[in-house]
Amino acid sequence: QAQQIISDDDDYDDDGTLREDVKESYSDKYSELDYMSDYIADEE
């Protein structure tokens, strides 16, 4: 089911990775939430 959710979700690319534009959008949207700070990072 985990694999199917990712496969069917347009937010993920064909390799099963969250698309960069979606990641940026969600990062902006949830940046004010303290608990999300560990997940939102400026990744090189």
ModelCIF file with pLDDT and N, C-alpha, C, O atoms, coordinates in Angstrom:
data_MODEL
#
_entry.id   MODEL 
#
_entity.id                         1 
_entity.type                       polymer 
_entity.pdbx_number_of_molecules   1 
#
_entity_poly.entity_id                      1 
_entity_poly.type                           'polypeptide(L)' 
_entity_poly.nstd_linkage                   no 
_entity_poly.nstd_monomer                   no 
_entity_poly.pdbx_seq_one_letter_code       QAQQIISDDDDYDDDGTLREDVKESYSDKYSELDYMSDYIADEE 
_entity_poly.pdbx_seq_one_letter_code_can   QAQQIISDDDDYDDDGTLREDVKESYSDKYSELDYMSDYIADEE 
_entity_poly.pdbx_strand_id                 A 
#
loop_
_entity_poly_seq.entity_id 
_entity_poly_seq.num 
_entity_poly_seq.mon_id 
_entity_poly_seq.hetero 
1 1  GLN n 
1 2  ALA n 
1 3  GLN n 
1 4  GLN n 
1 5  ILE n 
1 6  ILE n 
1 7  SER n 
1 8  ASP n 
1 9  ASP n 
1 10 ASP n 
1 11 ASP n 
1 12 TYR n 
1 13 ASP n 
1 14 ASP n 
1 15 ASP n 
1 16 GLY n 
1 17 THR n 
1 18 LEU n 
1 19 ARG n 
1 20 GLU n 
1 21 ASP n 
1 22 VAL n 
1 23 LYS n 
1 24 GLU n 
1 25 SER n 
1 26 TYR n 
1 27 SER n 
1 28 ASP n 
1 29 LYS n 
1 30 TYR n 
1 31 SER n 
1 32 GLU n 
1 33 LEU n 
1 34 ASP n 
1 35 TYR n 
1 36 MET n 
1 37 SER n 
1 38 ASP n 
1 39 TYR n 
1 40 ILE n 
1 41 ALA n 
1 42 ASP n 
1 43 GLU n 
1 44 GLU n 
#
_struct_asym.id          A 
_struct_asym.entity_id   1 
#
loop_
_ma_qa_metric.id 
_ma_qa_metric.mode 
_ma_qa_metric.name 
_ma_qa_metric.software_group_id 
_ma_qa_metric.type 
1 global pLDDT . pLDDT 
2 local  pLDDT . pLDDT 
#
_ma_qa_metric_global.metric_id      1 
_ma_qa_metric_global.metric_value   88.48 
_ma_qa_metric_global.model_id       1 
_ma_qa_metric_global.ordinal_id     1 
#
loop_
_ma_qa_metric_local.label_asym_id 
_ma_qa_metric_local.label_comp_id 
_ma_qa_metric_local.label_seq_id 
_ma_qa_metric_local.metric_id 
_ma_qa_metric_local.metric_value 
_ma_qa_metric_local.model_id 
_ma_qa_metric_local.ordinal_id 
A GLN 1  2 97.00 1 1  
A ALA 2  2 97.00 1 2  
A GLN 3  2 96.00 1 3  
A GLN 4  2 97.00 1 4  
A ILE 5  2 96.00 1 5  
A ILE 6  2 97.00 1 6  
A SER 7  2 96.00 1 7  
A ASP 8  2 97.00 1 8  
A ASP 9  2 97.00 1 9  
A ASP 10 2 97.00 1 10 
A ASP 11 2 97.00 1 11 
A TYR 12 2 97.00 1 12 
A ASP 13 2 97.00 1 13 
A ASP 14 2 94.00 1 14 
A ASP 15 2 95.00 1 15 
A GLY 16 2 95.00 1 16 
A THR 17 2 96.00 1 17 
A LEU 18 2 96.00 1 18 
A ARG 19 2 97.00 1 19 
A GLU 20 2 96.00 1 20 
A ASP 21 2 97.00 1 21 
A VAL 22 2 96.00 1 22 
A LYS 23 2 94.00 1 23 
A GLU 24 2 94.00 1 24 
A SER 25 2 95.00 1 25 
A TYR 26 2 94.00 1 26 
A SER 27 2 92.00 1 27 
A ASP 28 2 92.00 1 28 
A LYS 29 2 94.00 1 29 
A TYR 30 2 92.00 1 30 
A SER 31 2 87.00 1 31 
A GLU 32 2 89.00 1 32 
A LEU 33 2 89.00 1 33 
A ASP 34 2 86.00 1 34 
A TYR 35 2 87.00 1 35 
A MET 36 2 87.00 1 36 
A SER 37 2 79.00 1 37 
A ASP 38 2 73.00 1 38 
A TYR 39 2 75.00 1 39 
A ILE 40 2 73.00 1 40 
A ALA 41 2 62.00 1 41 
A ASP 42 2 47.00 1 42 
A GLU 43 2 49.00 1 43 
A GLU 44 2 43.00 1 44 
#
loop_
_atom_site.group_PDB 
_atom_site.id 
_atom_site.type_symbol 
_atom_site.label_atom_id 
_atom_site.label_alt_id 
_atom_site.label_comp_id 
_atom_site.label_asym_id 
_atom_site.label_entity_id 
_atom_site.label_seq_id 
_atom_site.pdbx_PDB_ins_code 
_atom_site.Cartn_x 
_atom_site.Cartn_y 
_atom_site.Cartn_z 
_atom_site.occupancy 
_atom_site.B_iso_or_equiv 
_atom_site.pdbx_formal_charge 
_atom_site.auth_seq_id 
_atom_site.auth_comp_id 
_atom_site.auth_asym_id 
_atom_site.auth_atom_id 
_atom_site.pdbx_PDB_model_num 
ATOM 1   N N  . GLN A 1 1  ? 0.833  -1.210 0.000   1.00 97.00 ? 1  GLN A N  1 
ATOM 2   C CA . GLN A 1 1  ? 0.000  0.000  0.000   1.00 97.00 ? 1  GLN A CA 1 
ATOM 3   C C  . GLN A 1 1  ? 0.864  1.255  0.000   1.00 97.00 ? 1  GLN A C  1 
ATOM 4   O O  . GLN A 1 1  ? 0.543  2.230  -0.679  1.00 97.00 ? 1  GLN A O  1 
ATOM 5   N N  . ALA A 1 2  ? 1.958  1.235  0.758   1.00 97.00 ? 2  ALA A N  1 
ATOM 6   C CA . ALA A 1 2  ? 2.869  2.386  0.803   1.00 97.00 ? 2  ALA A CA 1 
ATOM 7   C C  . ALA A 1 2  ? 3.426  2.671  -0.589  1.00 97.00 ? 2  ALA A C  1 
ATOM 8   O O  . ALA A 1 2  ? 3.490  3.825  -1.012  1.00 97.00 ? 2  ALA A O  1 
ATOM 9   N N  . GLN A 1 3  ? 3.822  1.637  -1.286  1.00 96.00 ? 3  GLN A N  1 
ATOM 10  C CA . GLN A 1 3  ? 4.354  1.805  -2.643  1.00 96.00 ? 3  GLN A CA 1 
ATOM 11  C C  . GLN A 1 3  ? 3.268  2.293  -3.594  1.00 96.00 ? 3  GLN A C  1 
ATOM 12  O O  . GLN A 1 3  ? 3.530  3.137  -4.452  1.00 96.00 ? 3  GLN A O  1 
ATOM 13  N N  . GLN A 1 4  ? 2.058  1.774  -3.451  1.00 97.00 ? 4  GLN A N  1 
ATOM 14  C CA . GLN A 1 4  ? 0.938  2.158  -4.317  1.00 97.00 ? 4  GLN A CA 1 
ATOM 15  C C  . GLN A 1 4  ? 0.537  3.619  -4.100  1.00 97.00 ? 4  GLN A C  1 
ATOM 16  O O  . GLN A 1 4  ? 0.248  4.333  -5.061  1.00 97.00 ? 4  GLN A O  1 
ATOM 17  N N  . ILE A 1 5  ? 0.520  4.056  -2.860  1.00 96.00 ? 5  ILE A N  1 
ATOM 18  C CA . ILE A 1 5  ? 0.178  5.454  -2.555  1.00 96.00 ? 5  ILE A CA 1 
ATOM 19  C C  . ILE A 1 5  ? 1.128  6.387  -3.293  1.00 96.00 ? 5  ILE A C  1 
ATOM 20  O O  . ILE A 1 5  ? 0.695  7.353  -3.921  1.00 96.00 ? 5  ILE A O  1 
ATOM 21  N N  . ILE A 1 6  ? 2.426  6.095  -3.216  1.00 97.00 ? 6  ILE A N  1 
ATOM 22  C CA . ILE A 1 6  ? 3.428  6.936  -3.874  1.00 97.00 ? 6  ILE A CA 1 
ATOM 23  C C  . ILE A 1 6  ? 3.288  6.844  -5.389  1.00 97.00 ? 6  ILE A C  1 
ATOM 24  O O  . ILE A 1 6  ? 3.375  7.860  -6.080  1.00 97.00 ? 6  ILE A O  1 
ATOM 25  N N  . SER A 1 7  ? 3.075  5.656  -5.905  1.00 96.00 ? 7  SER A N  1 
ATOM 26  C CA . SER A 1 7  ? 2.936  5.441  -7.345  1.00 96.00 ? 7  SER A CA 1 
ATOM 27  C C  . SER A 1 7  ? 1.750  6.211  -7.920  1.00 96.00 ? 7  SER A C  1 
ATOM 28  O O  . SER A 1 7  ? 1.827  6.732  -9.033  1.00 96.00 ? 7  SER A O  1 
ATOM 29  N N  . ASP A 1 8  ? 0.663  6.282  -7.170  1.00 97.00 ? 8  ASP A N  1 
ATOM 30  C CA . ASP A 1 8  ? -0.560 6.930  -7.646  1.00 97.00 ? 8  ASP A CA 1 
ATOM 31  C C  . ASP A 1 8  ? -0.601 8.434  -7.386  1.00 97.00 ? 8  ASP A C  1 
ATOM 32  O O  . ASP A 1 8  ? -1.503 9.115  -7.873  1.00 97.00 ? 8  ASP A O  1 
ATOM 33  N N  . ASP A 1 9  ? 0.351  8.959  -6.634  1.00 97.00 ? 9  ASP A N  1 
ATOM 34  C CA . ASP A 1 9  ? 0.330  10.356 -6.214  1.00 97.00 ? 9  ASP A CA 1 
ATOM 35  C C  . ASP A 1 9  ? 1.141  11.225 -7.174  1.00 97.00 ? 9  ASP A C  1 
ATOM 36  O O  . ASP A 1 9  ? 2.334  10.993 -7.366  1.00 97.00 ? 9  ASP A O  1 
ATOM 37  N N  . ASP A 1 10 ? 0.499  12.215 -7.770  1.00 97.00 ? 10 ASP A N  1 
ATOM 38  C CA . ASP A 1 10 ? 1.171  13.108 -8.711  1.00 97.00 ? 10 ASP A CA 1 
ATOM 39  C C  . ASP A 1 10 ? 2.219  14.004 -8.055  1.00 97.00 ? 10 ASP A C  1 
ATOM 40  O O  . ASP A 1 10 ? 3.023  14.624 -8.751  1.00 97.00 ? 10 ASP A O  1 
ATOM 41  N N  . ASP A 1 11 ? 2.221  14.079 -6.727  1.00 97.00 ? 11 ASP A N  1 
ATOM 42  C CA . ASP A 1 11 ? 3.231  14.873 -6.029  1.00 97.00 ? 11 ASP A CA 1 
ATOM 43  C C  . ASP A 1 11 ? 4.607  14.207 -6.065  1.00 97.00 ? 11 ASP A C  1 
ATOM 44  O O  . ASP A 1 11 ? 5.623  14.846 -5.793  1.00 97.00 ? 11 ASP A O  1 
ATOM 45  N N  . TYR A 1 12 ? 4.628  12.920 -6.404  1.00 97.00 ? 12 TYR A N  1 
ATOM 46  C CA . TYR A 1 12 ? 5.884  12.169 -6.490  1.00 97.00 ? 12 TYR A CA 1 
ATOM 47  C C  . TYR A 1 12 ? 6.220  11.907 -7.954  1.00 97.00 ? 12 TYR A C  1 
ATOM 48  O O  . TYR A 1 12 ? 5.330  11.712 -8.782  1.00 97.00 ? 12 TYR A O  1 
ATOM 49  N N  . ASP A 1 13 ? 7.523  11.906 -8.262  1.00 97.00 ? 13 ASP A N  1 
ATOM 50  C CA . ASP A 1 13 ? 7.946  11.633 -9.637  1.00 97.00 ? 13 ASP A CA 1 
ATOM 51  C C  . ASP A 1 13 ? 7.952  10.129 -9.897  1.00 97.00 ? 13 ASP A C  1 
ATOM 52  O O  . ASP A 1 13 ? 7.583  9.334  -9.033  1.00 97.00 ? 13 ASP A O  1 
ATOM 53  N N  . ASP A 1 14 ? 8.373  9.757  -11.093 1.00 94.00 ? 14 ASP A N  1 
ATOM 54  C CA . ASP A 1 14 ? 8.366  8.343  -11.484 1.00 94.00 ? 14 ASP A CA 1 
ATOM 55  C C  . ASP A 1 14 ? 9.315  7.486  -10.652 1.00 94.00 ? 14 ASP A C  1 
ATOM 56  O O  . ASP A 1 14 ? 9.153  6.268  -10.580 1.00 94.00 ? 14 ASP A O  1 
ATOM 57  N N  . ASP A 1 15 ? 10.310 8.123  -10.019 1.00 95.00 ? 15 ASP A N  1 
ATOM 58  C CA . ASP A 1 15 ? 11.253 7.396  -9.170  1.00 95.00 ? 15 ASP A CA 1 
ATOM 59  C C  . ASP A 1 15 ? 10.775 7.287  -7.720  1.00 95.00 ? 15 ASP A C  1 
ATOM 60  O O  . ASP A 1 15 ? 11.462 6.702  -6.883  1.00 95.00 ? 15 ASP A O  1 
ATOM 61  N N  . GLY A 1 16 ? 9.602  7.846  -7.423  1.00 95.00 ? 16 GLY A N  1 
ATOM 62  C CA . GLY A 1 16 ? 9.068  7.781  -6.068  1.00 95.00 ? 16 GLY A CA 1 
ATOM 63  C C  . GLY A 1 16 ? 9.624  8.828  -5.132  1.00 95.00 ? 16 GLY A C  1 
ATOM 64  O O  . GLY A 1 16 ? 9.618  8.643  -3.915  1.00 95.00 ? 16 GLY A O  1 
ATOM 65  N N  . THR A 1 17 ? 10.107 9.932  -5.691  1.00 96.00 ? 17 THR A N  1 
ATOM 66  C CA . THR A 1 17 ? 10.658 11.027 -4.902  1.00 96.00 ? 17 THR A CA 1 
ATOM 67  C C  . THR A 1 17 ? 9.719  12.225 -5.001  1.00 96.00 ? 17 THR A C  1 
ATOM 68  O O  . THR A 1 17 ? 9.205  12.534 -6.076  1.00 96.00 ? 17 THR A O  1 
ATOM 69  N N  . LEU A 1 18 ? 9.499  12.894 -3.875  1.00 96.00 ? 18 LEU A N  1 
ATOM 70  C CA . LEU A 1 18 ? 8.655  14.079 -3.856  1.00 96.00 ? 18 LEU A CA 1 
ATOM 71  C C  . LEU A 1 18 ? 9.228  15.124 -4.812  1.00 96.00 ? 18 LEU A C  1 
ATOM 72  O O  . LEU A 1 18 ? 10.403 15.482 -4.718  1.00 96.00 ? 18 LEU A O  1 
ATOM 73  N N  . ARG A 1 19 ? 8.396  15.609 -5.728  1.00 97.00 ? 19 ARG A N  1 
ATOM 74  C CA . ARG A 1 19 ? 8.852  16.594 -6.715  1.00 97.00 ? 19 ARG A CA 1 
ATOM 75  C C  . ARG A 1 19 ? 9.332  17.867 -6.003  1.00 97.00 ? 19 ARG A C  1 
ATOM 76  O O  . ARG A 1 19 ? 8.762  18.269 -4.989  1.00 97.00 ? 19 ARG A O  1 
ATOM 77  N N  . GLU A 1 20 ? 10.367 18.485 -6.534  1.00 96.00 ? 20 GLU A N  1 
ATOM 78  C CA . GLU A 1 20 ? 10.965 19.673 -5.918  1.00 96.00 ? 20 GLU A CA 1 
ATOM 79  C C  . GLU A 1 20 ? 9.971  20.824 -5.777  1.00 96.00 ? 20 GLU A C  1 
ATOM 80  O O  . GLU A 1 20 ? 9.959  21.504 -4.751  1.00 96.00 ? 20 GLU A O  1 
ATOM 81  N N  . ASP A 1 21 ? 9.133  21.052 -6.799  1.00 97.00 ? 21 ASP A N  1 
ATOM 82  C CA . ASP A 1 21 ? 8.174  22.149 -6.713  1.00 97.00 ? 21 ASP A CA 1 
ATOM 83  C C  . ASP A 1 21 ? 7.154  21.911 -5.607  1.00 97.00 ? 21 ASP A C  1 
ATOM 84  O O  . ASP A 1 21 ? 6.731  22.849 -4.932  1.00 97.00 ? 21 ASP A O  1 
ATOM 85  N N  . VAL A 1 22 ? 6.765  20.663 -5.425  1.00 96.00 ? 22 VAL A N  1 
ATOM 86  C CA . VAL A 1 22 ? 5.826  20.307 -4.362  1.00 96.00 ? 22 VAL A CA 1 
ATOM 87  C C  . VAL A 1 22 ? 6.509  20.459 -3.006  1.00 96.00 ? 22 VAL A C  1 
ATOM 88  O O  . VAL A 1 22 ? 5.927  20.993 -2.062  1.00 96.00 ? 22 VAL A O  1 
ATOM 89  N N  . LYS A 1 23 ? 7.747  19.986 -2.922  1.00 94.00 ? 23 LYS A N  1 
ATOM 90  C CA . LYS A 1 23 ? 8.507  20.080 -1.677  1.00 94.00 ? 23 LYS A CA 1 
ATOM 91  C C  . LYS A 1 23 ? 8.652  21.548 -1.250  1.00 94.00 ? 23 LYS A C  1 
ATOM 92  O O  . LYS A 1 23 ? 8.469  21.876 -0.078  1.00 94.00 ? 23 LYS A O  1 
ATOM 93  N N  . GLU A 1 24 ? 8.976  22.414 -2.191  1.00 94.00 ? 24 GLU A N  1 
ATOM 94  C CA . GLU A 1 24 ? 9.108  23.846 -1.887  1.00 94.00 ? 24 GLU A CA 1 
ATOM 95  C C  . GLU A 1 24 ? 7.782  24.439 -1.430  1.00 94.00 ? 24 GLU A C  1 
ATOM 96  O O  . GLU A 1 24 ? 7.733  25.202 -0.465  1.00 94.00 ? 24 GLU A O  1 
ATOM 97  N N  . SER A 1 25 ? 6.724  24.089 -2.119  1.00 95.00 ? 25 SER A N  1 
ATOM 98  C CA . SER A 1 25 ? 5.392  24.590 -1.767  1.00 95.00 ? 25 SER A CA 1 
ATOM 99  C C  . SER A 1 25 ? 4.987  24.172 -0.362  1.00 95.00 ? 25 SER A C  1 
ATOM 100 O O  . SER A 1 25 ? 4.526  24.997 0.426   1.00 95.00 ? 25 SER A O  1 
ATOM 101 N N  . TYR A 1 26 ? 5.159  22.883 -0.044  1.00 94.00 ? 26 TYR A N  1 
ATOM 102 C CA . TYR A 1 26 ? 4.800  22.382 1.278   1.00 94.00 ? 26 TYR A CA 1 
ATOM 103 C C  . TYR A 1 26 ? 5.729  22.951 2.355   1.00 94.00 ? 26 TYR A C  1 
ATOM 104 O O  . TYR A 1 26 ? 5.290  23.230 3.471   1.00 94.00 ? 26 TYR A O  1 
ATOM 105 N N  . SER A 1 27 ? 6.997  23.121 2.024   1.00 92.00 ? 27 SER A N  1 
ATOM 106 C CA . SER A 1 27 ? 7.939  23.708 2.979   1.00 92.00 ? 27 SER A CA 1 
ATOM 107 C C  . SER A 1 27 ? 7.513  25.115 3.355   1.00 92.00 ? 27 SER A C  1 
ATOM 108 O O  . SER A 1 27 ? 7.533  25.488 4.528   1.00 92.00 ? 27 SER A O  1 
ATOM 109 N N  . ASP A 1 28 ? 7.129  25.892 2.357   1.00 92.00 ? 28 ASP A N  1 
ATOM 110 C CA . ASP A 1 28 ? 6.642  27.253 2.619   1.00 92.00 ? 28 ASP A CA 1 
ATOM 111 C C  . ASP A 1 28 ? 5.356  27.221 3.445   1.00 92.00 ? 28 ASP A C  1 
ATOM 112 O O  . ASP A 1 28 ? 5.188  27.998 4.385   1.00 92.00 ? 28 ASP A O  1 
ATOM 113 N N  . LYS A 1 29 ? 4.467  26.323 3.082   1.00 94.00 ? 29 LYS A N  1 
ATOM 114 C CA . LYS A 1 29 ? 3.151  26.232 3.726   1.00 94.00 ? 29 LYS A CA 1 
ATOM 115 C C  . LYS A 1 29 ? 3.247  25.852 5.202   1.00 94.00 ? 29 LYS A C  1 
ATOM 116 O O  . LYS A 1 29 ? 2.462  26.335 6.017   1.00 94.00 ? 29 LYS A O  1 
ATOM 117 N N  . TYR A 1 30 ? 4.212  24.983 5.553   1.00 92.00 ? 30 TYR A N  1 
ATOM 118 C CA . TYR A 1 30 ? 4.292  24.450 6.909   1.00 92.00 ? 30 TYR A CA 1 
ATOM 119 C C  . TYR A 1 30 ? 5.530  24.913 7.683   1.00 92.00 ? 30 TYR A C  1 
ATOM 120 O O  . TYR A 1 30 ? 5.861  24.335 8.719   1.00 92.00 ? 30 TYR A O  1 
ATOM 121 N N  . SER A 1 31 ? 6.205  25.935 7.197   1.00 87.00 ? 31 SER A N  1 
ATOM 122 C CA . SER A 1 31 ? 7.435  26.406 7.844   1.00 87.00 ? 31 SER A CA 1 
ATOM 123 C C  . SER A 1 31 ? 7.199  26.963 9.247   1.00 87.00 ? 31 SER A C  1 
ATOM 124 O O  . SER A 1 31 ? 8.125  26.990 10.058  1.00 87.00 ? 31 SER A O  1 
ATOM 125 N N  . GLU A 1 32 ? 5.990  27.404 9.547   1.00 89.00 ? 32 GLU A N  1 
ATOM 126 C CA . GLU A 1 32 ? 5.677  27.964 10.865  1.00 89.00 ? 32 GLU A CA 1 
ATOM 127 C C  . GLU A 1 32 ? 5.455  26.902 11.942  1.00 89.00 ? 32 GLU A C  1 
ATOM 128 O O  . GLU A 1 32 ? 5.396  27.230 13.127  1.00 89.00 ? 32 GLU A O  1 
ATOM 129 N N  . LEU A 1 33 ? 5.333  25.655 11.553  1.00 89.00 ? 33 LEU A N  1 
ATOM 130 C CA . LEU A 1 33 ? 5.077  24.581 12.513  1.00 89.00 ? 33 LEU A CA 1 
ATOM 131 C C  . LEU A 1 33 ? 6.401  24.091 13.096  1.00 89.00 ? 33 LEU A C  1 
ATOM 132 O O  . LEU A 1 33 ? 7.256  23.585 12.369  1.00 89.00 ? 33 LEU A O  1 
ATOM 133 N N  . ASP A 1 34 ? 6.565  24.241 14.403  1.00 86.00 ? 34 ASP A N  1 
ATOM 134 C CA . ASP A 1 34 ? 7.818  23.855 15.052  1.00 86.00 ? 34 ASP A CA 1 
ATOM 135 C C  . ASP A 1 34 ? 8.195  22.406 14.794  1.00 86.00 ? 34 ASP A C  1 
ATOM 136 O O  . ASP A 1 34 ? 9.358  22.105 14.528  1.00 86.00 ? 34 ASP A O  1 
ATOM 137 N N  . TYR A 1 35 ? 7.226  21.509 14.871  1.00 87.00 ? 35 TYR A N  1 
ATOM 138 C CA . TYR A 1 35 ? 7.547  20.095 14.713  1.00 87.00 ? 35 TYR A CA 1 
ATOM 139 C C  . TYR A 1 35 ? 7.990  19.742 13.296  1.00 87.00 ? 35 TYR A C  1 
ATOM 140 O O  . TYR A 1 35 ? 8.583  18.685 13.080  1.00 87.00 ? 35 TYR A O  1 
ATOM 141 N N  . MET A 1 36 ? 7.710  20.609 12.334  1.00 87.00 ? 36 MET A N  1 
ATOM 142 C CA . MET A 1 36 ? 8.139  20.343 10.957  1.00 87.00 ? 36 MET A CA 1 
ATOM 143 C C  . MET A 1 36 ? 9.569  20.826 10.702  1.00 87.00 ? 36 MET A C  1 
ATOM 144 O O  . MET A 1 36 ? 10.130 20.532 9.647   1.00 87.00 ? 36 MET A O  1 
ATOM 145 N N  . SER A 1 37 ? 10.167 21.555 11.637  1.00 79.00 ? 37 SER A N  1 
ATOM 146 C CA . SER A 1 37 ? 11.495 22.117 11.416  1.00 79.00 ? 37 SER A CA 1 
ATOM 147 C C  . SER A 1 37 ? 12.551 21.047 11.153  1.00 79.00 ? 37 SER A C  1 
ATOM 148 O O  . SER A 1 37 ? 13.512 21.294 10.425  1.00 79.00 ? 37 SER A O  1 
ATOM 149 N N  . ASP A 1 38 ? 12.383 19.862 11.738  1.00 73.00 ? 38 ASP A N  1 
ATOM 150 C CA . ASP A 1 38 ? 13.337 18.781 11.465  1.00 73.00 ? 38 ASP A CA 1 
ATOM 151 C C  . ASP A 1 38 ? 13.214 18.258 10.041  1.00 73.00 ? 38 ASP A C  1 
ATOM 152 O O  . ASP A 1 38 ? 14.183 17.745 9.480   1.00 73.00 ? 38 ASP A O  1 
ATOM 153 N N  . TYR A 1 39 ? 12.044 18.384 9.461   1.00 75.00 ? 39 TYR A N  1 
ATOM 154 C CA . TYR A 1 39 ? 11.807 17.876 8.114   1.00 75.00 ? 39 TYR A CA 1 
ATOM 155 C C  . TYR A 1 39 ? 12.094 18.905 7.037   1.00 75.00 ? 39 TYR A C  1 
ATOM 156 O O  . TYR A 1 39 ? 12.445 18.556 5.910   1.00 75.00 ? 39 TYR A O  1 
ATOM 157 N N  . ILE A 1 40 ? 11.944 20.179 7.388   1.00 73.00 ? 40 ILE A N  1 
ATOM 158 C CA . ILE A 1 40 ? 12.169 21.248 6.429   1.00 73.00 ? 40 ILE A CA 1 
ATOM 159 C C  . ILE A 1 40 ? 13.587 21.756 6.615   1.00 73.00 ? 40 ILE A C  1 
ATOM 160 O O  . ILE A 1 40 ? 13.901 22.389 7.623   1.00 73.00 ? 40 ILE A O  1 
ATOM 161 N N  . ALA A 1 41 ? 14.427 21.482 5.658   1.00 62.00 ? 41 ALA A N  1 
ATOM 162 C CA . ALA A 1 41 ? 15.825 21.910 5.742   1.00 62.00 ? 41 ALA A CA 1 
ATOM 163 C C  . ALA A 1 41 ? 16.287 22.358 4.382   1.00 62.00 ? 41 ALA A C  1 
ATOM 164 O O  . ALA A 1 41 ? 15.800 21.892 3.351   1.00 62.00 ? 41 ALA A O  1 
ATOM 165 N N  . ASP A 1 42 ? 17.224 23.260 4.395   1.00 47.00 ? 42 ASP A N  1 
ATOM 166 C CA . ASP A 1 42 ? 17.852 23.666 3.126   1.00 47.00 ? 42 ASP A CA 1 
ATOM 167 C C  . ASP A 1 42 ? 18.832 22.577 2.746   1.00 47.00 ? 42 ASP A C  1 
ATOM 168 O O  . ASP A 1 42 ? 19.963 22.544 3.231   1.00 47.00 ? 42 ASP A O  1 
ATOM 169 N N  . GLU A 1 43 ? 18.391 21.694 1.880   1.00 49.00 ? 43 GLU A N  1 
ATOM 170 C CA . GLU A 1 43 ? 19.224 20.572 1.483   1.00 49.00 ? 43 GLU A CA 1 
ATOM 171 C C  . GLU A 1 43 ? 20.051 20.933 0.271   1.00 49.00 ? 43 GLU A C  1 
ATOM 172 O O  . GLU A 1 43 ? 19.562 21.537 -0.684  1.00 49.00 ? 43 GLU A O  1 
ATOM 173 N N  . GLU A 1 44 ? 21.288 20.559 0.326   1.00 43.00 ? 44 GLU A N  1 
ATOM 174 C CA . GLU A 1 44 ? 22.176 20.735 -0.813  1.00 43.00 ? 44 GLU A CA 1 
ATOM 175 C C  . GLU A 1 44 ? 22.043 19.522 -1.714  1.00 43.00 ? 44 GLU A C  1 
ATOM 176 O O  . GLU A 1 44 ? 22.704 19.447 -2.750  1.00 43.00 ? 44 GLU A O  1 
#
